[in-house]
């Protein structure tokens, strides 16, 4: 598991999981894993994502844990009984 800090939408942190879950992974930096998670529409508001430890994310959505090891440049859509994963090289541009 990519242990550390992810960026998560505030409603997700509050336990409000409205499937599907969207995620993307930039290059890790410091203690951050590069992962960002949200449900619904992704907004460009600077306060959209909040720091959250991966352990809390896995506690909320246990089936997500094996996918946290996917490499930077990954995008995914996850829901119970659904997983769509693809590579997006634009996530690797700094």
PDB file of N, CA and C in Angstrom:
ATOM      1  N   UNK A   1       0.847  -1.181   0.000  1.00  0.00           N
ATOM      2  CA  UNK A   1       0.000   0.000   0.000  1.00  0.00           C
ATOM      3  C   UNK A   1       0.885   1.234   0.000  1.00  0.00           C
ATOM      4  N   UNK A   2       0.490   2.250  -0.733  1.00  0.00           N
ATOM      5  CA  UNK A   2       1.191   3.531  -0.723  1.00  0.00           C
ATOM      6  C   UNK A   2       0.818   4.255   0.570  1.00  0.00           C
ATOM      7  N   UNK A   3       1.646   4.104   1.598  1.00  0.00           N
ATOM      8  CA  UNK A   3       1.358   4.675   2.903  1.00  0.00           C
ATOM      9  C   UNK A   3       1.734   6.146   2.906  1.00  0.00           C
ATOM     10  N   UNK A   4       0.884   6.966   3.430  1.00  0.00           N
ATOM     11  CA  UNK A   4       1.155   8.389   3.491  1.00  0.00           C
ATOM     12  C   UNK A   4      -0.125   9.184   3.383  1.00  0.00           C
ATOM     13  N   UNK A   5      -0.024  10.329   2.760  1.00  0.00           N
ATOM     14  CA  UNK A   5      -1.141  11.261   2.667  1.00  0.00           C
ATOM     15  C   UNK A   5      -1.678  11.290   1.240  1.00  0.00           C
ATOM     16  N   UNK A   6      -3.008  11.263   1.133  1.00  0.00           N
ATOM     17  CA  UNK A   6      -3.684  11.430  -0.154  1.00  0.00           C
ATOM     18  C   UNK A   6      -4.458  12.739  -0.096  1.00  0.00           C
ATOM     19  N   UNK A   7      -4.892  13.210  -1.242  1.00  0.00           N
ATOM     20  CA  UNK A   7      -5.829  14.318  -1.313  1.00  0.00           C
ATOM     21  C   UNK A   7      -7.209  13.714  -1.479  1.00  0.00           C
ATOM     22  N   UNK A   8      -8.152  14.101  -0.642  1.00  0.00           N
ATOM     23  CA  UNK A   8      -9.498  13.540  -0.709  1.00  0.00           C
ATOM     24  C   UNK A   8     -10.533  14.649  -0.639  1.00  0.00           C
ATOM     25  N   UNK A   9     -11.599  14.451  -1.360  1.00  0.00           N
ATOM     26  CA  UNK A   9     -12.724  15.377  -1.331  1.00  0.00           C
ATOM     27  C   UNK A   9     -13.333  15.352   0.059  1.00  0.00           C
ATOM     28  N   UNK A  10     -13.691  16.506   0.592  1.00  0.00           N
ATOM     29  CA  UNK A  10     -14.197  16.630   1.958  1.00  0.00           C
ATOM     30  C   UNK A  10     -15.380  15.697   2.231  1.00  0.00           C
ATOM     31  N   UNK A  11     -16.287  15.542   1.291  1.00  0.00           N
ATOM     32  CA  UNK A  11     -17.444  14.658   1.528  1.00  0.00           C
ATOM     33  C   UNK A  11     -17.003  13.209   1.664  1.00  0.00           C
ATOM     34  N   UNK A  12     -15.967  12.822   0.958  1.00  0.00           N
ATOM     35  CA  UNK A  12     -15.431  11.471   1.083  1.00  0.00           C
ATOM     36  C   UNK A  12     -14.841  11.279   2.486  1.00  0.00           C
ATOM     37  N   UNK A  13     -14.112  12.259   2.971  1.00  0.00           N
ATOM     38  CA  UNK A  13     -13.547  12.205   4.319  1.00  0.00           C
ATOM     39  C   UNK A  13     -14.665  12.075   5.357  1.00  0.00           C
ATOM     40  N   UNK A  14     -15.789  12.684   5.092  1.00  0.00           N
ATOM     41  CA  UNK A  14     -16.938  12.611   6.003  1.00  0.00           C
ATOM     42  C   UNK A  14     -17.661  11.270   5.932  1.00  0.00           C
ATOM     43  N   UNK A  15     -17.195  10.388   5.028  1.00  0.00           N
ATOM     44  CA  UNK A  15     -17.809   9.068   4.909  1.00  0.00           C
ATOM     45  C   UNK A  15     -18.901   8.980   3.873  1.00  0.00           C
ATOM     46  N   UNK A  16     -19.089  10.036   3.094  1.00  0.00           N
ATOM     47  CA  UNK A  16     -20.123  10.080   2.064  1.00  0.00           C
ATOM     48  C   UNK A  16     -19.548   9.536   0.760  1.00  0.00           C
ATOM     49  N   UNK A  17     -19.727   8.240   0.526  1.00  0.00           N
ATOM     50  CA  UNK A  17     -19.221   7.611  -0.693  1.00  0.00           C
ATOM     51  C   UNK A  17     -20.382   7.469  -1.666  1.00  0.00           C
ATOM     52  N   UNK A  18     -20.347   8.251  -2.710  1.00  0.00           N
ATOM     53  CA  UNK A  18     -21.353   8.212  -3.774  1.00  0.00           C
ATOM     54  C   UNK A  18     -20.653   7.621  -4.988  1.00  0.00           C
ATOM     55  N   UNK A  19     -20.885   6.336  -5.250  1.00  0.00           N
ATOM     56  CA  UNK A  19     -20.173   5.627  -6.312  1.00  0.00           C
ATOM     57  C   UNK A  19     -20.458   6.226  -7.670  1.00  0.00           C
ATOM     58  N   UNK A  20     -19.489   6.172  -8.571  1.00  0.00           N
ATOM     59  CA  UNK A  20     -18.164   5.584  -8.428  1.00  0.00           C
ATOM     60  C   UNK A  20     -17.166   6.554  -7.810  1.00  0.00           C
ATOM     61  N   UNK A  21     -16.091   5.968  -7.314  1.00  0.00           N
ATOM     62  CA  UNK A  21     -14.970   6.728  -6.778  1.00  0.00           C
ATOM     63  C   UNK A  21     -13.983   6.963  -7.912  1.00  0.00           C
ATOM     64  N   UNK A  22     -13.543   8.196  -8.074  1.00  0.00           N
ATOM     65  CA  UNK A  22     -12.556   8.548  -9.088  1.00  0.00           C
ATOM     66  C   UNK A  22     -11.222   8.796  -8.388  1.00  0.00           C
ATOM     67  N   UNK A  23     -10.129   8.456  -9.063  1.00  0.00           N
ATOM     68  CA  UNK A  23      -8.813   8.682  -8.479  1.00  0.00           C
ATOM     69  C   UNK A  23      -7.782   8.894  -9.577  1.00  0.00           C
ATOM     70  N   UNK A  24      -6.761   9.643  -9.224  1.00  0.00           N
ATOM     71  CA  UNK A  24      -5.611   9.815 -10.113  1.00  0.00           C
ATOM     72  C   UNK A  24      -4.372   9.944  -9.253  1.00  0.00           C
ATOM     73  N   UNK A  25      -3.231   9.567  -9.853  1.00  0.00           N
ATOM     74  CA  UNK A  25      -1.982   9.615  -9.093  1.00  0.00           C
ATOM     75  C   UNK A  25      -0.909  10.397  -9.839  1.00  0.00           C
ATOM     76  N   UNK A  26      -0.504  11.508  -9.212  1.00  0.00           N
ATOM     77  CA  UNK A  26       0.645  12.282  -9.667  1.00  0.00           C
ATOM     78  C   UNK A  26       1.900  11.676  -9.047  1.00  0.00           C
ATOM     79  N   UNK A  27       3.050  12.235  -9.335  1.00  0.00           N
ATOM     80  CA  UNK A  27       4.292  11.800  -8.695  1.00  0.00           C
ATOM     81  C   UNK A  27       4.230  12.110  -7.198  1.00  0.00           C
ATOM     82  N   UNK A  28       4.677  11.186  -6.348  1.00  0.00           N
ATOM     83  CA  UNK A  28       4.700  11.457  -4.903  1.00  0.00           C
ATOM     84  C   UNK A  28       5.658  12.603  -4.591  1.00  0.00           C
ATOM     85  N   UNK A  29       5.389  13.291  -3.491  1.00  0.00           N
ATOM     86  CA  UNK A  29       6.245  14.392  -3.055  1.00  0.00           C
ATOM     87  C   UNK A  29       6.192  14.462  -1.534  1.00  0.00           C
ATOM     88  N   UNK A  30       7.337  14.372  -0.885  1.00  0.00           N
ATOM     89  CA  UNK A  30       7.366  14.391   0.579  1.00  0.00           C
ATOM     90  C   UNK A  30       6.585  13.213   1.137  1.00  0.00           C
ATOM     91  N   UNK A  31       5.654  13.489   2.042  1.00  0.00           N
ATOM     92  CA  UNK A  31       4.827  12.437   2.629  1.00  0.00           C
ATOM     93  C   UNK A  31       3.582  12.146   1.805  1.00  0.00           C
ATOM     94  N   UNK A  32       3.362  12.919   0.753  1.00  0.00           N
ATOM     95  CA  UNK A  32       2.167  12.689  -0.050  1.00  0.00           C
ATOM     96  C   UNK A  32       2.409  11.572  -1.060  1.00  0.00           C
ATOM     97  N   UNK A  33       1.394  10.789  -1.308  1.00  0.00           N
ATOM     98  CA  UNK A  33       1.483   9.655  -2.222  1.00  0.00           C
ATOM     99  C   UNK A  33       1.275  10.057  -3.674  1.00  0.00           C
ATOM    100  N   UNK A  34       0.721  11.242  -3.899  1.00  0.00           N
ATOM    101  CA  UNK A  34       0.363  11.661  -5.248  1.00  0.00           C
ATOM    102  C   UNK A  34      -1.066  11.304  -5.615  1.00  0.00           C
ATOM    103  N   UNK A  35      -1.741  10.522  -4.769  1.00  0.00           N
ATOM    104  CA  UNK A  35      -3.128  10.114  -5.037  1.00  0.00           C
ATOM    105  C   UNK A  35      -4.124  11.205  -4.663  1.00  0.00           C
ATOM    106  N   UNK A  36      -5.179  11.343  -5.501  1.00  0.00           N
ATOM    107  CA  UNK A  36      -6.308  12.231  -5.236  1.00  0.00           C
ATOM    108  C   UNK A  36      -7.581  11.445  -5.491  1.00  0.00           C
ATOM    109  N   UNK A  37      -8.559  11.538  -4.563  1.00  0.00           N
ATOM    110  CA  UNK A  37      -9.798  10.766  -4.624  1.00  0.00           C
ATOM    111  C   UNK A  37     -11.008  11.674  -4.481  1.00  0.00           C
ATOM    112  N   UNK A  38     -12.041  11.390  -5.276  1.00  0.00           N
ATOM    113  CA  UNK A  38     -13.279  12.152  -5.188  1.00  0.00           C
ATOM    114  C   UNK A  38     -14.428  11.339  -5.770  1.00  0.00           C
ATOM    115  N   UNK A  39     -15.637  11.762  -5.477  1.00  0.00           N
ATOM    116  CA  UNK A  39     -16.827  11.227  -6.123  1.00  0.00           C
ATOM    117  C   UNK A  39     -17.577  12.405  -6.722  1.00  0.00           C
ATOM    118  N   UNK A  40     -18.415  12.126  -7.692  1.00  0.00           N
ATOM    119  CA  UNK A  40     -19.142  13.213  -8.345  1.00  0.00           C
ATOM    120  C   UNK A  40     -18.249  13.991  -9.283  1.00  0.00           C
ATOM    121  N   UNK A  41     -18.546  15.265  -9.409  1.00  0.00           N
ATOM    122  CA  UNK A  41     -17.830  16.134 -10.346  1.00  0.00           C
ATOM    123  C   UNK A  41     -16.563  16.708  -9.714  1.00  0.00           C
ATOM    124  N   UNK A  42     -15.453  16.628 -10.435  1.00  0.00           N
ATOM    125  CA  UNK A  42     -14.191  17.205  -9.977  1.00  0.00           C
ATOM    126  C   UNK A  42     -14.228  18.709 -10.218  1.00  0.00           C
ATOM    127  N   UNK A  43     -14.001  19.474  -9.159  1.00  0.00           N
ATOM    128  CA  UNK A  43     -14.003  20.931  -9.265  1.00  0.00           C
ATOM    129  C   UNK A  43     -12.577  21.453  -9.190  1.00  0.00           C
ATOM    130  N   UNK A  44     -12.317  22.588  -9.792  1.00  0.00           N
ATOM    131  CA  UNK A  44     -10.972  23.164  -9.806  1.00  0.00           C
ATOM    132  C   UNK A  44     -10.714  24.070  -8.599  1.00  0.00           C
ATOM    133  N   UNK A  45     -11.632  24.119  -7.651  1.00  0.00           N
ATOM    134  CA  UNK A  45     -11.486  24.913  -6.440  1.00  0.00           C
ATOM    135  C   UNK A  45     -10.271  24.418  -5.639  1.00  0.00           C
ATOM    136  N   UNK A  46      -9.396  25.345  -5.216  1.00  0.00           N
ATOM    137  CA  UNK A  46      -8.186  24.977  -4.469  1.00  0.00           C
ATOM    138  C   UNK A  46      -8.486  24.262  -3.155  1.00  0.00           C
ATOM    139  N   UNK A  47      -9.679  24.443  -2.607  1.00  0.00           N
ATOM    140  CA  UNK A  47     -10.020  23.807  -1.333  1.00  0.00           C
ATOM    141  C   UNK A  47     -10.805  22.506  -1.527  1.00  0.00           C
ATOM    142  N   UNK A  48     -10.899  22.014  -2.758  1.00  0.00           N
ATOM    143  CA  UNK A  48     -11.671  20.796  -3.047  1.00  0.00           C
ATOM    144  C   UNK A  48     -11.071  19.581  -2.348  1.00  0.00           C
ATOM    145  N   UNK A  49      -9.745  19.448  -2.380  1.00  0.00           N
ATOM    146  CA  UNK A  49      -9.074  18.306  -1.766  1.00  0.00           C
ATOM    147  C   UNK A  49      -8.497  18.685  -0.405  1.00  0.00           C
ATOM    148  N   UNK A  50      -8.598  17.740   0.536  1.00  0.00           N
ATOM    149  CA  UNK A  50      -8.030  17.896   1.875  1.00  0.00           C
ATOM    150  C   UNK A  50      -7.037  16.758   2.104  1.00  0.00           C
ATOM    151  N   UNK A  51      -6.007  16.968   2.893  1.00  0.00           N
ATOM    152  CA  UNK A  51      -5.079  15.875   3.198  1.00  0.00           C
ATOM    153  C   UNK A  51      -5.766  14.827   4.071  1.00  0.00           C
ATOM    154  N   UNK A  52      -5.480  13.557   3.780  1.00  0.00           N
ATOM    155  CA  UNK A  52      -6.099  12.453   4.507  1.00  0.00           C
ATOM    156  C   UNK A  52      -5.128  11.286   4.480  1.00  0.00           C
ATOM    157  N   UNK A  53      -4.963  10.589   5.571  1.00  0.00           N
ATOM    158  CA  UNK A  53      -4.035   9.467   5.613  1.00  0.00           C
ATOM    159  C   UNK A  53      -4.638   8.257   4.906  1.00  0.00           C
ATOM    160  N   UNK A  54      -3.788   7.521   4.195  1.00  0.00           N
ATOM    161  CA  UNK A  54      -4.262   6.354   3.438  1.00  0.00           C
ATOM    162  C   UNK A  54      -4.983   5.347   4.323  1.00  0.00           C
ATOM    163  N   UNK A  55      -4.574   5.220   5.575  1.00  0.00           N
ATOM    164  CA  UNK A  55      -5.218   4.250   6.472  1.00  0.00           C
ATOM    165  C   UNK A  55      -6.703   4.550   6.625  1.00  0.00           C
ATOM    166  N   UNK A  56      -7.069   5.822   6.712  1.00  0.00           N
ATOM    167  CA  UNK A  56      -8.481   6.193   6.843  1.00  0.00           C
ATOM    168  C   UNK A  56      -9.247   5.869   5.560  1.00  0.00           C
ATOM    169  N   UNK A  57      -8.610   6.089   4.428  1.00  0.00           N
ATOM    170  CA  UNK A  57      -9.233   5.765   3.145  1.00  0.00           C
ATOM    171  C   UNK A  57      -9.498   4.267   3.047  1.00  0.00           C
ATOM    172  N   UNK A  58      -8.509   3.458   3.417  1.00  0.00           N
ATOM    173  CA  UNK A  58      -8.651   2.001   3.350  1.00  0.00           C
ATOM    174  C   UNK A  58      -9.671   1.505   4.383  1.00  0.00           C
ATOM    175  N   UNK A  59      -9.749   2.157   5.525  1.00  0.00           N
ATOM    176  CA  UNK A  59     -10.784   1.793   6.501  1.00  0.00           C
ATOM    177  C   UNK A  59     -12.174   2.018   5.916  1.00  0.00           C
ATOM    178  N   UNK A  60     -12.339   3.095   5.163  1.00  0.00           N
ATOM    179  CA  UNK A  60     -13.635   3.419   4.553  1.00  0.00           C
ATOM    180  C   UNK A  60     -13.928   2.518   3.361  1.00  0.00           C
ATOM    181  N   UNK A  61     -12.905   2.257   2.528  1.00  0.00           N
ATOM    182  CA  UNK A  61     -13.086   1.467   1.302  1.00  0.00           C
ATOM    183  C   UNK A  61     -11.983   0.408   1.252  1.00  0.00           C
ATOM    184  N   UNK A  62     -12.149  -0.702   1.969  1.00  0.00           N
ATOM    185  CA  UNK A  62     -11.092  -1.717   2.062  1.00  0.00           C
ATOM    186  C   UNK A  62     -10.659  -2.301   0.714  1.00  0.00           C
ATOM    187  N   UNK A  63     -11.566  -2.456  -0.226  1.00  0.00           N
ATOM    188  CA  UNK A  63     -11.224  -3.050  -1.516  1.00  0.00           C
ATOM    189  C   UNK A  63     -10.279  -2.210  -2.349  1.00  0.00           C
ATOM    190  N   UNK A  64     -10.062  -0.981  -1.939  1.00  0.00           N
ATOM    191  CA  UNK A  64      -9.193  -0.074  -2.676  1.00  0.00           C
ATOM    192  C   UNK A  64      -7.715  -0.300  -2.364  1.00  0.00           C
ATOM    193  N   UNK A  65      -7.414  -0.922  -1.246  1.00  0.00           N
ATOM    194  CA  UNK A  65      -6.039  -1.045  -0.764  1.00  0.00           C
ATOM    195  C   UNK A  65      -5.047  -1.600  -1.785  1.00  0.00           C
ATOM    196  N   UNK A  66      -5.329  -2.705  -2.478  1.00  0.00           N
ATOM    197  CA  UNK A  66      -4.318  -3.221  -3.412  1.00  0.00           C
ATOM    198  C   UNK A  66      -4.016  -2.268  -4.573  1.00  0.00           C
ATOM    199  N   UNK A  67      -4.926  -1.392  -4.881  1.00  0.00           N
ATOM    200  CA  UNK A  67      -4.755  -0.493  -6.018  1.00  0.00           C
ATOM    201  C   UNK A  67      -3.925   0.739  -5.673  1.00  0.00           C
ATOM    202  N   UNK A  68      -3.694   0.975  -4.387  1.00  0.00           N
ATOM    203  CA  UNK A  68      -2.884   2.128  -3.972  1.00  0.00           C
ATOM    204  C   UNK A  68      -1.421   1.965  -4.342  1.00  0.00           C
ATOM    205  N   UNK A  69      -1.016   0.752  -4.692  1.00  0.00           N
ATOM    206  CA  UNK A  69       0.363   0.509  -5.115  1.00  0.00           C
ATOM    207  C   UNK A  69       0.570   0.775  -6.604  1.00  0.00           C
ATOM    208  N   UNK A  70      -0.487   1.117  -7.325  1.00  0.00           N
ATOM    209  CA  UNK A  70      -0.345   1.409  -8.755  1.00  0.00           C
ATOM    210  C   UNK A  70       0.570   2.618  -8.941  1.00  0.00           C
ATOM    211  N   UNK A  71       1.279   2.629 -10.037  1.00  0.00           N
ATOM    212  CA  UNK A  71       2.306   3.644 -10.274  1.00  0.00           C
ATOM    213  C   UNK A  71       1.737   5.028 -10.571  1.00  0.00           C
ATOM    214  N   UNK A  72       2.551   6.072 -10.347  1.00  0.00           N
ATOM    215  CA  UNK A  72       2.145   7.415 -10.747  1.00  0.00           C
ATOM    216  C   UNK A  72       1.791   7.424 -12.239  1.00  0.00           C
ATOM    217  N   UNK A  73       0.825   8.257 -12.575  1.00  0.00           N
ATOM    218  CA  UNK A  73       0.310   8.303 -13.942  1.00  0.00           C
ATOM    219  C   UNK A  73      -0.937   7.457 -14.109  1.00  0.00           C
ATOM    220  N   UNK A  74      -1.392   6.857 -13.016  1.00  0.00           N
ATOM    221  CA  UNK A  74      -2.582   6.009 -13.045  1.00  0.00           C
ATOM    222  C   UNK A  74      -3.833   6.829 -12.776  1.00  0.00           C
ATOM    223  N   UNK A  75      -4.886   6.491 -13.480  1.00  0.00           N
ATOM    224  CA  UNK A  75      -6.243   6.961 -13.187  1.00  0.00           C
ATOM    225  C   UNK A  75      -7.088   5.728 -12.958  1.00  0.00           C
ATOM    226  N   UNK A  76      -8.094   5.865 -12.101  1.00  0.00           N
ATOM    227  CA  UNK A  76      -9.001   4.739 -11.933  1.00  0.00           C
ATOM    228  C   UNK A  76     -10.391   5.207 -11.554  1.00  0.00           C
ATOM    229  N   UNK A  77     -11.334   4.351 -11.868  1.00  0.00           N
ATOM    230  CA  UNK A  77     -12.722   4.500 -11.427  1.00  0.00           C
ATOM    231  C   UNK A  77     -13.047   3.213 -10.692  1.00  0.00           C
ATOM    232  N   UNK A  78     -13.507   3.338  -9.449  1.00  0.00           N
ATOM    233  CA  UNK A  78     -13.731   2.181  -8.591  1.00  0.00           C
ATOM    234  C   UNK A  78     -15.130   2.230  -7.998  1.00  0.00           C
ATOM    235  N   UNK A  79     -15.764   1.086  -7.968  1.00  0.00           N
ATOM    236  CA  UNK A  79     -17.048   0.903  -7.291  1.00  0.00           C
ATOM    237  C   UNK A  79     -17.139  -0.568  -6.929  1.00  0.00           C
ATOM    238  N   UNK A  80     -18.040  -0.933  -6.021  1.00  0.00           N
ATOM    239  CA  UNK A  80     -18.208  -2.359  -5.754  1.00  0.00           C
ATOM    240  C   UNK A  80     -18.484  -3.092  -7.072  1.00  0.00           C
ATOM    241  N   UNK A  81     -17.741  -4.132  -7.324  1.00  0.00           N
ATOM    242  CA  UNK A  81     -17.888  -4.942  -8.547  1.00  0.00           C
ATOM    243  C   UNK A  81     -17.509  -4.205  -9.826  1.00  0.00           C
ATOM    244  N   UNK A  82     -16.710  -3.135  -9.719  1.00  0.00           N
ATOM    245  CA  UNK A  82     -16.274  -2.414 -10.925  1.00  0.00           C
ATOM    246  C   UNK A  82     -14.893  -1.804 -10.682  1.00  0.00           C
ATOM    247  N   UNK A  83     -14.012  -1.967 -11.650  1.00  0.00           N
ATOM    248  CA  UNK A  83     -12.701  -1.316 -11.608  1.00  0.00           C
ATOM    249  C   UNK A  83     -12.275  -1.023 -13.032  1.00  0.00           C
ATOM    250  N   UNK A  84     -11.943   0.215 -13.294  1.00  0.00           N
ATOM    251  CA  UNK A  84     -11.434   0.646 -14.599  1.00  0.00           C
ATOM    252  C   UNK A  84     -10.134   1.393 -14.320  1.00  0.00           C
ATOM    253  N   UNK A  85      -9.023   0.918 -14.876  1.00  0.00           N
ATOM    254  CA  UNK A  85      -7.702   1.505 -14.632  1.00  0.00           C
ATOM    255  C   UNK A  85      -7.045   1.821 -15.962  1.00  0.00           C
ATOM    256  N   UNK A  86      -6.422   3.004 -16.069  1.00  0.00           N
ATOM    257  CA  UNK A  86      -5.678   3.347 -17.271  1.00  0.00           C
ATOM    258  C   UNK A  86      -4.539   4.302 -16.916  1.00  0.00           C
ATOM    259  N   UNK A  87      -3.596   4.407 -17.838  1.00  0.00           N
ATOM    260  CA  UNK A  87      -2.430   5.273 -17.659  1.00  0.00           C
ATOM    261  C   UNK A  87      -2.680   6.603 -18.349  1.00  0.00           C
ATOM    262  N   UNK A  88      -2.301   7.688 -17.680  1.00  0.00           N
ATOM    263  CA  UNK A  88      -2.423   9.032 -18.220  1.00  0.00           C
ATOM    264  C   UNK A  88      -1.092   9.745 -18.004  1.00  0.00           C
ATOM    265  N   UNK A  89      -0.258   9.786 -19.029  1.00  0.00           N
ATOM    266  CA  UNK A  89       1.093  10.349 -18.922  1.00  0.00           C
ATOM    267  C   UNK A  89       1.073  11.846 -18.577  1.00  0.00           C
ATOM    268  N   UNK A  90      -0.039  12.544 -18.803  1.00  0.00           N
ATOM    269  CA  UNK A  90      -0.099  13.973 -18.462  1.00  0.00           C
ATOM    270  C   UNK A  90      -0.002  14.187 -16.953  1.00  0.00           C
ATOM    271  N   UNK A  91      -0.275  13.169 -16.148  1.00  0.00           N
ATOM    272  CA  UNK A  91      -0.171  13.283 -14.700  1.00  0.00           C
ATOM    273  C   UNK A  91       1.283  13.316 -14.220  1.00  0.00           C
ATOM    274  N   UNK A  92       2.206  12.954 -15.107  1.00  0.00           N
ATOM    275  CA  UNK A  92       3.624  12.885 -14.738  1.00  0.00           C
ATOM    276  C   UNK A  92       4.377  14.165 -15.051  1.00  0.00           C
ATOM    277  N   UNK A  93       3.719  15.115 -15.686  1.00  0.00           N
ATOM    278  CA  UNK A  93       4.340  16.387 -16.038  1.00  0.00           C
ATOM    279  C   UNK A  93       4.289  17.292 -14.816  1.00  0.00           C
ATOM    280  N   UNK A  94       5.453  17.816 -14.441  1.00  0.00           N
ATOM    281  CA  UNK A  94       5.506  18.708 -13.264  1.00  0.00           C
ATOM    282  C   UNK A  94       5.316  20.129 -13.637  1.00  0.00           C
TER     283      UNK A  94
END
